[in-house]
PDB file of N, CA and C in Angstrom:
ATOM      1  N   MET A   1      -6.264   5.917  13.589  1.00  0.00           N
ATOM      2  CA  MET A   1      -4.833   6.334  13.115  1.00  0.00           C
ATOM      3  C   MET A   1      -4.167   7.974  13.162  1.00  0.00           C
ATOM      4  N   HIS A   2      -2.835   7.403  13.732  1.00  0.00           N
ATOM      5  CA  HIS A   2      -2.587   8.769  14.397  1.00  0.00           C
ATOM      6  C   HIS A   2      -1.670   9.492  13.472  1.00  0.00           C
ATOM      7  N   SER A   3      -1.153   8.447  12.163  1.00  0.00           N
ATOM      8  CA  SER A   3      -0.428   9.102  10.865  1.00  0.00           C
ATOM      9  C   SER A   3      -0.645   8.884  10.135  1.00  0.00           C
ATOM     10  N   ALA A   4      -0.501   9.334   8.669  1.00  0.00           N
ATOM     11  CA  ALA A   4      -1.311   8.703   7.277  1.00  0.00           C
ATOM     12  C   ALA A   4      -0.113   8.172   6.880  1.00  0.00           C
ATOM     13  N   PRO A   5      -0.497   7.528   5.896  1.00  0.00           N
ATOM     14  CA  PRO A   5      -0.006   6.406   5.041  1.00  0.00           C
ATOM     15  C   PRO A   5       1.514   6.931   4.172  1.00  0.00           C
ATOM     16  N   THR A   6       2.515   6.374   4.215  1.00  0.00           N
ATOM     17  CA  THR A   6       3.771   6.618   3.056  1.00  0.00           C
ATOM     18  C   THR A   6       3.796   5.881   2.238  1.00  0.00           C
ATOM     19  N   ILE A   7       3.669   6.928   0.823  1.00  0.00           N
ATOM     20  CA  ILE A   7       4.467   6.057  -0.300  1.00  0.00           C
ATOM     21  C   ILE A   7       5.723   5.745  -0.480  1.00  0.00           C
ATOM     22  N   VAL A   8       6.060   4.442  -0.403  1.00  0.00           N
ATOM     23  CA  VAL A   8       7.186   3.830  -0.100  1.00  0.00           C
ATOM     24  C   VAL A   8       7.831   3.663  -1.974  1.00  0.00           C
ATOM     25  N   TRP A   9       7.144   3.220  -2.985  1.00  0.00           N
ATOM     26  CA  TRP A   9       7.165   2.852  -4.347  1.00  0.00           C
ATOM     27  C   TRP A   9       5.979   3.191  -5.259  1.00  0.00           C
ATOM     28  N   THR A  10       6.378   3.072  -6.354  1.00  0.00           N
ATOM     29  CA  THR A  10       5.602   2.806  -7.900  1.00  0.00           C
ATOM     30  C   THR A  10       6.734   1.837  -8.352  1.00  0.00           C
ATOM     31  N   ILE A  11       5.292   1.126  -9.025  1.00  0.00           N
ATOM     32  CA  ILE A  11       6.489   0.340 -10.444  1.00  0.00           C
ATOM     33  C   ILE A  11       5.132  -0.192 -11.034  1.00  0.00           C
ATOM     34  N   GLU A  12       5.478   0.382 -12.371  1.00  0.00           N
ATOM     35  CA  GLU A  12       4.696   0.363 -13.305  1.00  0.00           C
ATOM     36  C   GLU A  12       3.695   0.882 -13.136  1.00  0.00           C
ATOM     37  N   ARG A  13       2.076   0.039 -12.536  1.00  0.00           N
ATOM     38  CA  ARG A  13       0.921   0.362 -12.127  1.00  0.00           C
ATOM     39  C   ARG A  13       0.403   0.211 -10.630  1.00  0.00           C
ATOM     40  N   SER A  14       1.657  -0.374  -9.944  1.00  0.00           N
ATOM     41  CA  SER A  14       1.561  -0.285  -8.559  1.00  0.00           C
ATOM     42  C   SER A  14       2.065   0.262  -7.756  1.00  0.00           C
ATOM     43  N   VAL A  15       1.789   0.205  -6.166  1.00  0.00           N
ATOM     44  CA  VAL A  15       2.476   1.211  -5.607  1.00  0.00           C
ATOM     45  C   VAL A  15       2.251   0.545  -4.248  1.00  0.00           C
ATOM     46  N   LYS A  16       3.176   0.533  -3.432  1.00  0.00           N
ATOM     47  CA  LYS A  16       3.757  -0.111  -1.781  1.00  0.00           C
ATOM     48  C   LYS A  16       3.326   1.443  -1.160  1.00  0.00           C
ATOM     49  N   LEU A  17       2.704   1.032  -0.003  1.00  0.00           N
ATOM     50  CA  LEU A  17       2.449   1.780   0.891  1.00  0.00           C
ATOM     51  C   LEU A  17       2.741   1.656   2.166  1.00  0.00           C
ATOM     52  N   GLU A  18       3.052   2.221   3.255  1.00  0.00           N
ATOM     53  CA  GLU A  18       3.436   1.927   4.785  1.00  0.00           C
ATOM     54  C   GLU A  18       2.787   2.493   5.483  1.00  0.00           C
ATOM     55  N   TRP A  19       2.606   1.973   6.888  1.00  0.00           N
ATOM     56  CA  TRP A  19       2.039   3.194   7.999  1.00  0.00           C
ATOM     57  C   TRP A  19       2.389   3.030   9.273  1.00  0.00           C
ATOM     58  N   GLU A  20       2.387   3.593  10.549  1.00  0.00           N
ATOM     59  CA  GLU A  20       2.376   3.426  11.690  1.00  0.00           C
ATOM     60  C   GLU A  20       1.706   2.619  11.973  1.00  0.00           C
ATOM     61  N   PRO A  21       1.803   1.475  13.241  1.00  0.00           N
ATOM     62  CA  PRO A  21       1.050   0.799  13.795  1.00  0.00           C
ATOM     63  C   PRO A  21      -0.505   1.709  14.435  1.00  0.00           C
ATOM     64  N   CYS A  22      -1.639   1.563  14.794  1.00  0.00           N
ATOM     65  CA  CYS A  22      -2.903   2.034  15.384  1.00  0.00           C
ATOM     66  C   CYS A  22      -2.872   1.743  16.607  1.00  0.00           C
ATOM     67  N   VAL A  23      -2.243   3.343  17.760  1.00  0.00           N
ATOM     68  CA  VAL A  23      -2.079   2.531  18.759  1.00  0.00           C
ATOM     69  C   VAL A  23      -3.598   2.947  19.924  1.00  0.00           C
ATOM     70  N   ASP A  24      -4.612   3.963  18.990  1.00  0.00           N
ATOM     71  CA  ASP A  24      -5.705   3.515  19.710  1.00  0.00           C
ATOM     72  C   ASP A  24      -7.158   3.025  18.975  1.00  0.00           C
ATOM     73  N   VAL A  25      -7.322   2.388  19.477  1.00  0.00           N
ATOM     74  CA  VAL A  25      -8.516   1.079  18.798  1.00  0.00           C
ATOM     75  C   VAL A  25      -9.755   1.160  19.477  1.00  0.00           C
ATOM     76  N   GLY A  26      -9.684   1.973  20.457  1.00  0.00           N
ATOM     77  CA  GLY A  26     -11.225   1.976  21.187  1.00  0.00           C
ATOM     78  C   GLY A  26     -11.452   1.022  22.282  1.00  0.00           C
ATOM     79  N   GLY A  27     -10.619   0.351  22.796  1.00  0.00           N
ATOM     80  CA  GLY A  27     -10.376  -0.353  24.092  1.00  0.00           C
ATOM     81  C   GLY A  27     -10.468  -2.080  23.855  1.00  0.00           C
ATOM     82  N   SER A  28     -10.481  -2.198  22.699  1.00  0.00           N
ATOM     83  CA  SER A  28     -10.364  -4.085  21.834  1.00  0.00           C
ATOM     84  C   SER A  28      -9.156  -3.579  21.180  1.00  0.00           C
ATOM     85  N   PRO A  29      -8.580  -4.630  21.309  1.00  0.00           N
ATOM     86  CA  PRO A  29      -7.572  -5.245  21.105  1.00  0.00           C
ATOM     87  C   PRO A  29      -7.395  -4.704  18.903  1.00  0.00           C
ATOM     88  N   LEU A  30      -6.513  -4.102  18.528  1.00  0.00           N
ATOM     89  CA  LEU A  30      -6.412  -4.104  17.113  1.00  0.00           C
ATOM     90  C   LEU A  30      -6.467  -5.715  15.842  1.00  0.00           C
ATOM     91  N   TYR A  31      -7.432  -5.268  15.465  1.00  0.00           N
ATOM     92  CA  TYR A  31      -7.400  -6.484  14.479  1.00  0.00           C
ATOM     93  C   TYR A  31      -6.689  -6.785  13.129  1.00  0.00           C
ATOM     94  N   GLY A  32      -6.986  -5.416  12.691  1.00  0.00           N
ATOM     95  CA  GLY A  32      -6.632  -5.535  11.035  1.00  0.00           C
ATOM     96  C   GLY A  32      -6.948  -3.927  10.301  1.00  0.00           C
ATOM     97  N   TYR A  33      -6.837  -3.653   9.315  1.00  0.00           N
ATOM     98  CA  TYR A  33      -5.944  -2.492   8.272  1.00  0.00           C
ATOM     99  C   TYR A  33      -6.958  -3.314   7.504  1.00  0.00           C
ATOM    100  N   ASP A  34      -7.946  -1.857   6.478  1.00  0.00           N
ATOM    101  CA  ASP A  34      -8.268  -1.527   5.115  1.00  0.00           C
ATOM    102  C   ASP A  34      -7.433  -0.630   4.516  1.00  0.00           C
ATOM    103  N   VAL A  35      -7.309  -0.412   3.397  1.00  0.00           N
ATOM    104  CA  VAL A  35      -6.600   0.283   2.367  1.00  0.00           C
ATOM    105  C   VAL A  35      -7.495   1.246   1.853  1.00  0.00           C
ATOM    106  N   PHE A  36      -7.575   2.081   1.749  1.00  0.00           N
ATOM    107  CA  PHE A  36      -8.527   2.485   0.259  1.00  0.00           C
ATOM    108  C   PHE A  36      -7.668   3.763  -0.124  1.00  0.00           C
ATOM    109  N   VAL A  37      -8.258   4.403  -1.683  1.00  0.00           N
ATOM    110  CA  VAL A  37      -7.342   5.205  -2.412  1.00  0.00           C
ATOM    111  C   VAL A  37      -8.396   6.136  -3.279  1.00  0.00           C
ATOM    112  N   ARG A  38      -8.309   7.172  -3.647  1.00  0.00           N
ATOM    113  CA  ARG A  38      -9.386   8.041  -4.424  1.00  0.00           C
ATOM    114  C   ARG A  38      -8.246   8.541  -5.192  1.00  0.00           C
ATOM    115  N   GLU A  39      -9.135   9.530  -6.764  1.00  0.00           N
ATOM    116  CA  GLU A  39      -8.690   9.987  -7.575  1.00  0.00           C
ATOM    117  C   GLU A  39      -8.768  11.410  -6.641  1.00  0.00           C
ATOM    118  N   LYS A  40      -8.299  12.027  -7.440  1.00  0.00           N
ATOM    119  CA  LYS A  40      -8.374  13.792  -6.895  1.00  0.00           C
ATOM    120  C   LYS A  40     -10.150  14.156  -6.695  1.00  0.00           C
ATOM    121  N   SER A  41     -10.766  14.021  -5.610  1.00  0.00           N
ATOM    122  CA  SER A  41     -11.474  14.879  -5.161  1.00  0.00           C
ATOM    123  C   SER A  41     -12.743  14.266  -5.244  1.00  0.00           C
ATOM    124  N   THR A  42     -12.638  12.405  -5.764  1.00  0.00           N
ATOM    125  CA  THR A  42     -13.460  11.153  -5.375  1.00  0.00           C
ATOM    126  C   THR A  42     -13.987  10.701  -4.377  1.00  0.00           C
ATOM    127  N   GLU A  43     -14.853   9.664  -4.218  1.00  0.00           N
ATOM    128  CA  GLU A  43     -14.788   8.925  -3.230  1.00  0.00           C
ATOM    129  C   GLU A  43     -14.068   8.173  -2.804  1.00  0.00           C
ATOM    130  N   TRP A  44     -13.969   7.741  -1.888  1.00  0.00           N
ATOM    131  CA  TRP A  44     -12.621   6.669  -1.250  1.00  0.00           C
ATOM    132  C   TRP A  44     -13.265   5.108  -2.127  1.00  0.00           C
ATOM    133  N   GLN A  45     -12.209   4.482  -2.449  1.00  0.00           N
ATOM    134  CA  GLN A  45     -12.545   3.031  -2.922  1.00  0.00           C
ATOM    135  C   GLN A  45     -11.642   1.955  -1.779  1.00  0.00           C
ATOM    136  N   LYS A  46     -11.719   1.418  -1.742  1.00  0.00           N
ATOM    137  CA  LYS A  46     -10.863   0.302  -0.816  1.00  0.00           C
ATOM    138  C   LYS A  46     -10.609  -0.789  -1.989  1.00  0.00           C
ATOM    139  N   LEU A  47      -9.157  -0.549  -1.880  1.00  0.00           N
ATOM    140  CA  LEU A  47      -8.463  -1.541  -2.571  1.00  0.00           C
ATOM    141  C   LEU A  47      -8.247  -2.847  -2.051  1.00  0.00           C
ATOM    142  N   ASN A  48      -7.748  -3.311  -0.845  1.00  0.00           N
ATOM    143  CA  ASN A  48      -7.724  -4.794   0.131  1.00  0.00           C
ATOM    144  C   ASN A  48      -9.030  -5.586   0.037  1.00  0.00           C
ATOM    145  N   GLU A  49      -9.161  -6.631  -0.629  1.00  0.00           N
ATOM    146  CA  GLU A  49     -10.451  -7.799  -0.344  1.00  0.00           C
ATOM    147  C   GLU A  49     -10.232  -8.353   0.831  1.00  0.00           C
ATOM    148  N   GLU A  50      -9.281  -8.761   1.181  1.00  0.00           N
ATOM    149  CA  GLU A  50      -8.961  -9.870   2.932  1.00  0.00           C
ATOM    150  C   GLU A  50      -8.077  -8.056   3.747  1.00  0.00           C
ATOM    151  N   THR A  51      -8.251  -8.429   5.338  1.00  0.00           N
ATOM    152  CA  THR A  51      -8.144  -7.353   5.802  1.00  0.00           C
ATOM    153  C   THR A  51      -6.807  -7.542   6.035  1.00  0.00           C
ATOM    154  N   VAL A  52      -6.215  -6.644   6.324  1.00  0.00           N
ATOM    155  CA  VAL A  52      -4.575  -6.246   5.845  1.00  0.00           C
ATOM    156  C   VAL A  52      -4.218  -6.218   7.638  1.00  0.00           C
ATOM    157  N   PHE A  53      -3.394  -7.855   7.700  1.00  0.00           N
ATOM    158  CA  PHE A  53      -2.937  -7.853   9.282  1.00  0.00           C
ATOM    159  C   PHE A  53      -1.299  -6.883   9.397  1.00  0.00           C
ATOM    160  N   VAL A  54      -0.840  -6.619   8.385  1.00  0.00           N
ATOM    161  CA  VAL A  54       0.606  -5.888   8.602  1.00  0.00           C
ATOM    162  C   VAL A  54       1.008  -4.284   8.544  1.00  0.00           C
ATOM    163  N   THR A  55       1.659  -3.631   8.517  1.00  0.00           N
ATOM    164  CA  THR A  55       1.546  -2.113   8.299  1.00  0.00           C
ATOM    165  C   THR A  55       2.129  -1.974   7.362  1.00  0.00           C
ATOM    166  N   HIS A  56       1.574  -2.736   6.143  1.00  0.00           N
ATOM    167  CA  HIS A  56       2.367  -2.513   4.352  1.00  0.00           C
ATOM    168  C   HIS A  56       1.232  -3.410   3.802  1.00  0.00           C
ATOM    169  N   TYR A  57       1.317  -2.542   2.404  1.00  0.00           N
ATOM    170  CA  TYR A  57       0.376  -2.598   1.294  1.00  0.00           C
ATOM    171  C   TYR A  57       0.956  -2.500   0.355  1.00  0.00           C
ATOM    172  N   THR A  58       0.768  -3.610  -1.157  1.00  0.00           N
ATOM    173  CA  THR A  58       1.113  -3.437  -2.132  1.00  0.00           C
ATOM    174  C   THR A  58       0.078  -3.360  -3.227  1.00  0.00           C
ATOM    175  N   ALA A  59      -0.534  -2.271  -3.578  1.00  0.00           N
ATOM    176  CA  ALA A  59      -1.606  -2.653  -4.624  1.00  0.00           C
ATOM    177  C   ALA A  59      -1.503  -2.643  -5.750  1.00  0.00           C
ATOM    178  N   GLU A  60      -1.896  -3.968  -6.312  1.00  0.00           N
ATOM    179  CA  GLU A  60      -0.999  -4.220  -7.695  1.00  0.00           C
ATOM    180  C   GLU A  60      -1.760  -4.006  -8.956  1.00  0.00           C
ATOM    181  N   ASP A  61      -1.662  -2.997 -10.070  1.00  0.00           N
ATOM    182  CA  ASP A  61      -2.850  -2.124 -11.365  1.00  0.00           C
ATOM    183  C   ASP A  61      -3.546  -1.398 -10.257  1.00  0.00           C
ATOM    184  N   ALA A  62      -3.263  -0.186  -9.864  1.00  0.00           N
ATOM    185  CA  ALA A  62      -4.530   0.761  -9.043  1.00  0.00           C
ATOM    186  C   ALA A  62      -3.816   1.842  -9.224  1.00  0.00           C
ATOM    187  N   ILE A  63      -2.889   2.041 -10.455  1.00  0.00           N
ATOM    188  CA  ILE A  63      -2.890   3.250 -10.565  1.00  0.00           C
ATOM    189  C   ILE A  63      -2.463   3.820 -12.278  1.00  0.00           C
ATOM    190  N   GLN A  64      -2.327   4.705 -12.890  1.00  0.00           N
ATOM    191  CA  GLN A  64      -2.878   5.304 -14.317  1.00  0.00           C
ATOM    192  C   GLN A  64      -1.949   6.455 -14.599  1.00  0.00           C
ATOM    193  N   ALA A  65      -1.381   6.418 -15.717  1.00  0.00           N
ATOM    194  CA  ALA A  65      -1.164   7.752 -16.161  1.00  0.00           C
ATOM    195  C   ALA A  65      -2.295   8.270 -15.862  1.00  0.00           C
ATOM    196  N   GLY A  66      -1.521  10.056 -15.617  1.00  0.00           N
ATOM    197  CA  GLY A  66      -2.587  10.888 -15.883  1.00  0.00           C
ATOM    198  C   GLY A  66      -3.417  11.526 -14.737  1.00  0.00           C
ATOM    199  N   LYS A  67      -3.395  10.293 -14.186  1.00  0.00           N
ATOM    200  CA  LYS A  67      -4.301  10.847 -12.604  1.00  0.00           C
ATOM    201  C   LYS A  67      -3.516  11.382 -11.322  1.00  0.00           C
ATOM    202  N   CYS A  68      -4.005  11.666 -10.196  1.00  0.00           N
ATOM    203  CA  CYS A  68      -3.925  11.720  -9.349  1.00  0.00           C
ATOM    204  C   CYS A  68      -4.459  11.210  -8.033  1.00  0.00           C
ATOM    205  N   TYR A  69      -3.256  10.581  -7.209  1.00  0.00           N
ATOM    206  CA  TYR A  69      -4.175   9.862  -6.032  1.00  0.00           C
ATOM    207  C   TYR A  69      -3.841  10.333  -4.617  1.00  0.00           C
ATOM    208  N   GLU A  70      -4.729   9.748  -4.012  1.00  0.00           N
ATOM    209  CA  GLU A  70      -4.383   9.891  -2.687  1.00  0.00           C
ATOM    210  C   GLU A  70      -4.398   8.670  -2.308  1.00  0.00           C
ATOM    211  N   PHE A  71      -4.021   8.004  -0.480  1.00  0.00           N
ATOM    212  CA  PHE A  71      -4.392   7.230  -0.139  1.00  0.00           C
ATOM    213  C   PHE A  71      -4.978   7.142   2.139  1.00  0.00           C
ATOM    214  N   LYS A  72      -5.450   6.400   2.363  1.00  0.00           N
ATOM    215  CA  LYS A  72      -5.299   6.516   3.228  1.00  0.00           C
ATOM    216  C   LYS A  72      -5.574   4.982   3.788  1.00  0.00           C
ATOM    217  N   VAL A  73      -5.695   4.823   5.218  1.00  0.00           N
ATOM    218  CA  VAL A  73      -5.850   3.450   6.096  1.00  0.00           C
ATOM    219  C   VAL A  73      -6.535   3.640   6.941  1.00  0.00           C
ATOM    220  N   GLU A  74      -7.790   2.777   7.386  1.00  0.00           N
ATOM    221  CA  GLU A  74      -8.298   2.591   8.509  1.00  0.00           C
ATOM    222  C   GLU A  74      -8.751   0.946   9.275  1.00  0.00           C
ATOM    223  N   ALA A  75      -8.273   1.718  10.784  1.00  0.00           N
ATOM    224  CA  ALA A  75      -7.855   0.657  11.716  1.00  0.00           C
ATOM    225  C   ALA A  75      -9.372  -0.147  11.814  1.00  0.00           C
ATOM    226  N   SER A  76      -9.152  -1.457  12.715  1.00  0.00           N
ATOM    227  CA  SER A  76     -10.477  -1.831  13.033  1.00  0.00           C
ATOM    228  C   SER A  76      -9.966  -3.018  14.176  1.00  0.00           C
ATOM    229  N   ASN A  77     -10.843  -2.224  15.131  1.00  0.00           N
ATOM    230  CA  ASN A  77     -10.928  -3.456  16.661  1.00  0.00           C
ATOM    231  C   ASN A  77     -11.894  -5.267  16.555  1.00  0.00           C
ATOM    232  N   HIS A  78     -11.162  -5.958  17.428  1.00  0.00           N
ATOM    233  CA  HIS A  78     -12.333  -6.953  17.417  1.00  0.00           C
ATOM    234  C   HIS A  78     -13.471  -7.141  17.535  1.00  0.00           C
ATOM    235  N   ALA A  79     -13.809  -5.626  18.228  1.00  0.00           N
ATOM    236  CA  ALA A  79     -15.019  -5.505  18.669  1.00  0.00           C
ATOM    237  C   ALA A  79     -15.729  -4.424  17.012  1.00  0.00           C
ATOM    238  N   GLY A  80     -14.945  -4.916  16.018  1.00  0.00           N
ATOM    239  CA  GLY A  80     -15.638  -4.273  14.992  1.00  0.00           C
ATOM    240  C   GLY A  80     -15.707  -2.921  14.750  1.00  0.00           C
ATOM    241  N   LEU A  81     -15.027  -2.307  15.993  1.00  0.00           N
ATOM    242  CA  LEU A  81     -15.219  -0.475  15.624  1.00  0.00           C
ATOM    243  C   LEU A  81     -14.002  -0.282  14.725  1.00  0.00           C
ATOM    244  N   ARG A  82     -14.607   0.708  13.727  1.00  0.00           N
ATOM    245  CA  ARG A  82     -13.426   1.396  12.315  1.00  0.00           C
ATOM    246  C   ARG A  82     -12.910   2.667  12.946  1.00  0.00           C
ATOM    247  N   SER A  83     -11.638   3.118  12.878  1.00  0.00           N
ATOM    248  CA  SER A  83     -11.581   4.406  12.654  1.00  0.00           C
ATOM    249  C   SER A  83     -12.290   5.111  11.876  1.00  0.00           C
ATOM    250  N   ASN A  84     -12.255   6.562  11.758  1.00  0.00           N
ATOM    251  CA  ASN A  84     -12.535   7.296  11.066  1.00  0.00           C
ATOM    252  C   ASN A  84     -11.343   8.144  10.744  1.00  0.00           C
ATOM    253  N   SER A  85     -10.267   7.871   9.735  1.00  0.00           N
ATOM    254  CA  SER A  85      -9.451   8.539   9.662  1.00  0.00           C
ATOM    255  C   SER A  85      -9.451   9.364   8.633  1.00  0.00           C
ATOM    256  N   ASN A  86      -8.944  10.836   8.523  1.00  0.00           N
ATOM    257  CA  ASN A  86      -8.802  12.000   7.502  1.00  0.00           C
ATOM    258  C   ASN A  86      -7.644  11.989   7.401  1.00  0.00           C
ATOM    259  N   LEU A  87      -6.140  11.445   8.187  1.00  0.00           N
ATOM    260  CA  LEU A  87      -5.001  11.489   7.215  1.00  0.00           C
ATOM    261  C   LEU A  87      -5.093  10.548   6.386  1.00  0.00           C
ATOM    262  N   VAL A  88      -4.733  11.831   5.465  1.00  0.00           N
ATOM    263  CA  VAL A  88      -4.239  11.193   3.698  1.00  0.00           C
ATOM    264  C   VAL A  88      -3.124  11.216   3.508  1.00  0.00           C
ATOM    265  N   SER A  89      -2.570  10.065   2.415  1.00  0.00           N
ATOM    266  CA  SER A  89      -1.135  10.107   1.982  1.00  0.00           C
ATOM    267  C   SER A  89      -0.914  11.448   1.309  1.00  0.00           C
ATOM    268  N   GLU A  90       0.523  12.011   1.060  1.00  0.00           N
ATOM    269  CA  GLU A  90       1.222  13.278   0.097  1.00  0.00           C
ATOM    270  C   GLU A  90       0.000  12.354  -1.183  1.00  0.00           C
ATOM    271  N   GLN A  91      -0.171  13.415  -2.098  1.00  0.00           N
ATOM    272  CA  GLN A  91      -0.950  13.147  -3.032  1.00  0.00           C
ATOM    273  C   GLN A  91       0.518  12.437  -4.410  1.00  0.00           C
ATOM    274  N   LEU A  92      -0.351  11.359  -5.123  1.00  0.00           N
ATOM    275  CA  LEU A  92       0.704  10.659  -6.419  1.00  0.00           C
ATOM    276  C   LEU A  92       0.225  11.126  -7.408  1.00  0.00           C
ATOM    277  N   GLU A  93       1.060  11.969  -8.390  1.00  0.00           N
ATOM    278  CA  GLU A  93       0.500  12.487  -9.105  1.00  0.00           C
ATOM    279  C   GLU A  93       1.249  11.435 -10.618  1.00  0.00           C
ATOM    280  N   VAL A  94       0.872  10.973 -11.404  1.00  0.00           N
ATOM    281  CA  VAL A  94       1.347   9.946 -12.187  1.00  0.00           C
ATOM    282  C   VAL A  94       0.990  10.469 -13.554  1.00  0.00           C
ATOM    283  N   GLU A  95       2.531  10.715 -13.831  1.00  0.00           N
ATOM    284  CA  GLU A  95       2.711  11.089 -15.511  1.00  0.00           C
ATOM    285  C   GLU A  95       2.692  10.535 -16.433  1.00  0.00           C
ATOM    286  N   ARG A  96       3.578   9.122 -16.295  1.00  0.00           N
ATOM    287  CA  ARG A  96       3.593   8.414 -16.490  1.00  0.00           C
ATOM    288  C   ARG A  96       4.104   6.668 -16.065  1.00  0.00           C
ATOM    289  N   ILE A  97       3.199   5.680 -16.960  1.00  0.00           N
ATOM    290  CA  ILE A  97       3.974   4.805 -17.067  1.00  0.00           C
ATOM    291  C   ILE A  97       5.418   4.044 -16.918  1.00  0.00           C
ATOM    292  N   VAL A  98       6.110   3.215 -16.465  1.00  0.00           N
ATOM    293  CA  VAL A  98       6.996   3.258 -16.961  1.00  0.00           C
ATOM    294  C   VAL A  98       7.366   1.752 -16.692  1.00  0.00           C
ATOM    295  N   SER A  99       7.142   0.809 -17.950  1.00  0.00           N
ATOM    296  CA  SER A  99       7.639  -0.322 -17.573  1.00  0.00           C
ATOM    297  C   SER A  99       8.887  -0.431 -16.854  1.00  0.00           C
ATOM    298  N   ARG A 100       8.825  -2.093 -16.505  1.00  0.00           N
ATOM    299  CA  ARG A 100      10.504  -2.499 -16.021  1.00  0.00           C
ATOM    300  C   ARG A 100      11.098  -3.681 -17.364  1.00  0.00           C
ATOM    301  N   PRO A 101      12.377  -2.688 -17.443  1.00  0.00           N
ATOM    302  CA  PRO A 101      13.244  -3.625 -18.231  1.00  0.00           C
ATOM    303  C   PRO A 101      13.320  -5.252 -18.052  1.00  0.00           C
ATOM    304  N   GLU A 102      12.766  -5.930 -19.769  1.00  0.00           N
ATOM    305  CA  GLU A 102      13.273  -7.030 -19.045  1.00  0.00           C
ATOM    306  C   GLU A 102      14.564  -7.677 -19.181  1.00  0.00           C
ATOM    307  N   VAL A 103      14.668  -8.454 -18.151  1.00  0.00           N
ATOM    308  CA  VAL A 103      15.918  -9.171 -17.910  1.00  0.00           C
ATOM    309  C   VAL A 103      15.877 -10.387 -18.429  1.00  0.00           C
ATOM    310  N   GLN A 104      17.281 -11.237 -19.134  1.00  0.00           N
ATOM    311  CA  GLN A 104      17.215 -11.964 -19.588  1.00  0.00           C
ATOM    312  C   GLN A 104      18.531 -12.581 -18.637  1.00  0.00           C
ATOM    313  N   SER A 105      18.017 -14.212 -18.387  1.00  0.00           N
ATOM    314  CA  SER A 105      19.410 -15.075 -17.151  1.00  0.00           C
ATOM    315  C   SER A 105      19.728 -15.984 -18.183  1.00  0.00           C
ATOM    316  N   HIS A 106      20.708 -15.773 -17.496  1.00  0.00           N
ATOM    317  CA  HIS A 106      22.080 -17.052 -17.802  1.00  0.00           C
ATOM    318  C   HIS A 106      22.428 -18.004 -17.049  1.00  0.00           C
ATOM    319  N   ASN A 107      22.375 -19.046 -17.407  1.00  0.00           N
ATOM    320  CA  ASN A 107      22.997 -19.763 -16.745  1.00  0.00           C
ATOM    321  C   ASN A 107      24.010 -20.057 -16.512  1.00  0.00           C
ATOM    322  N   ILE A 108      24.659 -19.728 -15.649  1.00  0.00           N
ATOM    323  CA  ILE A 108      26.620 -20.398 -15.353  1.00  0.00           C
ATOM    324  C   ILE A 108      26.363 -20.907 -14.178  1.00  0.00           C
ATOM    325  N   TYR A 109      26.918 -21.892 -14.530  1.00  0.00           N
ATOM    326  CA  TYR A 109      27.500 -23.149 -13.271  1.00  0.00           C
ATOM    327  C   TYR A 109      28.984 -23.034 -12.985  1.00  0.00           C
ATOM    328  N   VAL A 110      29.623 -22.945 -11.963  1.00  0.00           N
ATOM    329  CA  VAL A 110      30.417 -23.176 -10.946  1.00  0.00           C
ATOM    330  C   VAL A 110      30.938 -24.303 -10.399  1.00  0.00           C
ATOM    331  N   GLN A 111      32.043 -24.605 -10.396  1.00  0.00           N
ATOM    332  CA  GLN A 111      32.027 -26.172 -10.118  1.00  0.00           C
ATOM    333  C   GLN A 111      33.491 -25.837  -8.840  1.00  0.00           C
ATOM    334  N   LEU A 112      32.640 -25.864  -7.413  1.00  0.00           N
ATOM    335  CA  LEU A 112      33.938 -25.683  -6.664  1.00  0.00           C
ATOM    336  C   LEU A 112      34.149 -26.881  -5.918  1.00  0.00           C
ATOM    337  N   SER A 113      36.032 -27.049  -5.801  1.00  0.00           N
ATOM    338  CA  SER A 113      36.374 -28.137  -5.383  1.00  0.00           C
ATOM    339  C   SER A 113      36.850 -27.891  -3.871  1.00  0.00           C
ATOM    340  N   LEU A 114      36.728 -28.750  -2.855  1.00  0.00           N
ATOM    341  CA  LEU A 114      37.106 -28.412  -1.574  1.00  0.00           C
ATOM    342  C   LEU A 114      38.211 -29.037  -1.459  1.00  0.00           C
ATOM    343  N   ASP A 115      39.777 -28.592  -0.918  1.00  0.00           N
ATOM    344  CA  ASP A 115      40.444 -29.653  -0.907  1.00  0.00           C
ATOM    345  C   ASP A 115      41.075 -29.742   0.784  1.00  0.00           C
TER     346      ASP A 115
END
């Protein structure tokens, strides 16, 4: 990886990350990515269960209030080699969790006539 992931947004306990495609994957075609998180100064934990094949990932229920997080992405190629990235996102400090407001929908029907 040649750049750290970027935190795009956070909603409730979820966070969306984006990153630039990996260009140097050890002479074999790129296979996919793994996304990792750690609380400040702890061990890295893998977030995704399945290989990520795009350059963005939304981690559901991944953050908690009162904690500080960092994220990184590792690339792997078809030969099974993995990057060893030390490129870490900026820290995400979660002060509190704000829930989305509930929106009530109202069914409105409009009849159109073409003359």
